Amino acid sequence: MKFTGLLVVLLALVFSIGNAMALPAGKVEYAGGDKGKVTFDAKAHASKGLKCADCHSAPKLFAMKKGTDKLTMAAMGEGKFCGSCHDGKKAFSVKTEADCGKCHKA
């Protein structure tokens, strides 16, 4: 009986470790290519006055489900996805080499 209880506790710990290592709410991580991964921080964008609908419905720049959109720097450079705002006028540009580190982390 003690073994069964111990086994249940051990399994609970094993299955919960993924939640402990997950990204905090409001953050989404992308592979980011050769310049390093990109973590999108919804709270940072919300602090600038943006709402989810500003990117996910009004101009539908992004689908709601992660992995649905094929994000590329070329598309962003054409003003799609992040490049819609990150154009060097509204926010820093996705085309400026010096700004790569603002999103990409090696």
Protein backbone atom coordinates (compact mmCIF):
# COMPACT_ATOMS: atom_id res chain seq x y z
CA MET A 1 0.00 0.00 0.00
CA LYS A 2 2.84 2.42 0.84
CA PHE A 3 4.46 1.59 -2.50
CA THR A 4 1.28 2.56 -4.40
CA GLY A 5 1.09 5.90 -2.58
CA LEU A 6 4.74 6.61 -3.28
CA LEU A 7 4.26 5.66 -6.94
CA VAL A 8 1.29 8.03 -7.26
CA VAL A 9 3.27 10.91 -5.75
CA LEU A 10 6.25 10.19 -8.01
CA LEU A 11 4.07 10.09 -11.13
CA ALA A 12 2.39 13.35 -10.14
CA LEU A 13 5.79 15.02 -9.84
CA VAL A 14 6.97 13.64 -13.19
CA PHE A 15 3.86 14.87 -14.99
CA SER A 16 3.90 18.30 -13.35
CA ILE A 17 7.55 19.09 -14.17
CA GLY A 18 6.51 20.27 -17.66
CA ASN A 19 4.23 22.89 -16.15
CA ALA A 20 7.02 24.16 -13.91
CA MET A 21 9.31 24.60 -16.92
CA ALA A 22 6.68 26.18 -19.19
CA LEU A 23 6.79 29.84 -20.22
CA PRO A 24 4.84 32.27 -18.05
CA ALA A 25 1.34 33.27 -19.16
CA GLY A 26 1.36 35.78 -21.99
CA LYS A 27 4.65 34.61 -23.48
CA VAL A 28 5.06 32.51 -26.62
CA GLU A 29 8.38 31.15 -27.84
CA TYR A 30 9.38 30.69 -31.50
CA ALA A 31 12.46 28.97 -32.94
CA GLY A 32 13.75 32.21 -34.49
CA GLY A 33 16.20 30.73 -37.00
CA ASP A 34 19.96 31.21 -36.95
CA LYS A 35 19.81 34.41 -34.87
CA GLY A 36 18.27 32.63 -31.87
CA LYS A 37 14.86 32.00 -30.37
CA VAL A 38 12.21 34.69 -30.06
CA THR A 39 9.92 35.05 -27.07
CA PHE A 40 6.84 37.16 -27.74
CA ASP A 41 5.77 38.96 -24.58
CA ALA A 42 2.10 39.95 -24.65
CA LYS A 43 2.45 41.98 -21.44
CA ALA A 44 5.16 44.17 -22.98
CA HIS A 45 2.88 44.90 -25.93
CA ALA A 46 -0.14 45.47 -23.65
CA SER A 47 1.90 48.02 -21.68
CA LYS A 48 2.09 50.03 -24.92
CA GLY A 49 -1.73 50.07 -25.08
CA LEU A 50 -2.24 47.17 -27.48
CA LYS A 51 -5.01 44.62 -27.09
CA CYS A 52 -5.10 41.04 -28.44
CA ALA A 53 -7.68 42.05 -31.08
CA ASP A 54 -5.29 44.69 -32.47
CA CYS A 55 -3.24 41.88 -34.04
CA HIS A 56 -5.56 38.89 -33.98
CA SER A 57 -8.77 40.27 -35.47
CA ALA A 58 -8.96 43.93 -36.56
CA PRO A 59 -6.19 43.54 -39.12
CA LYS A 60 -5.84 39.76 -38.83
CA LEU A 61 -2.04 39.73 -38.70
CA PHE A 62 -1.83 36.50 -36.68
CA ALA A 63 -4.01 33.43 -36.17
CA MET A 64 -4.92 32.73 -32.55
CA LYS A 65 -3.39 29.24 -32.54
CA LYS A 66 0.41 29.07 -32.24
CA GLY A 67 2.07 27.31 -35.16
CA THR A 68 -0.64 28.27 -37.65
CA ASP A 69 1.31 31.15 -39.20
CA LYS A 70 4.62 30.67 -41.01
CA LEU A 71 6.59 33.63 -39.64
CA THR A 72 9.59 34.63 -41.74
CA MET A 73 11.80 37.69 -41.71
CA ALA A 74 11.08 38.16 -45.43
CA ALA A 75 7.34 38.36 -44.75
CA MET A 76 7.93 40.75 -41.85
CA GLY A 77 10.11 42.91 -44.08
CA GLU A 78 7.13 43.14 -46.46
CA GLY A 79 4.98 44.53 -43.63
CA LYS A 80 3.30 41.27 -42.65
CA PHE A 81 3.08 39.83 -39.12
CA CYS A 82 5.38 41.74 -36.72
CA GLY A 83 6.55 43.95 -39.61
CA SER A 84 3.13 45.59 -39.72
CA CYS A 85 4.09 47.67 -36.67
CA HIS A 86 7.84 47.07 -36.50
CA ASP A 87 8.48 49.20 -39.56
CA GLY A 88 10.84 51.80 -38.10
CA LYS A 89 8.04 54.34 -37.69
CA LYS A 90 5.51 52.86 -35.29
CA ALA A 91 8.14 50.67 -33.55
CA PHE A 92 11.73 49.62 -34.20
CA SER A 93 12.24 48.03 -37.60
CA VAL A 94 12.55 44.30 -38.31
CA LYS A 95 14.88 45.33 -41.16
CA THR A 96 17.52 47.03 -38.97
CA GLU A 97 20.39 44.66 -38.18
CA ALA A 98 21.19 46.50 -34.95
CA ASP A 99 17.68 45.72 -33.63
CA CYS A 100 17.84 41.92 -34.13
CA GLY A 101 18.78 41.38 -30.49
CA LYS A 102 15.60 43.07 -29.31
CA CYS A 103 13.69 39.92 -30.28
CA HIS A 104 16.24 37.20 -31.00
CA LYS A 105 18.17 35.65 -28.10
CA ALA A 106 20.97 33.21 -28.87
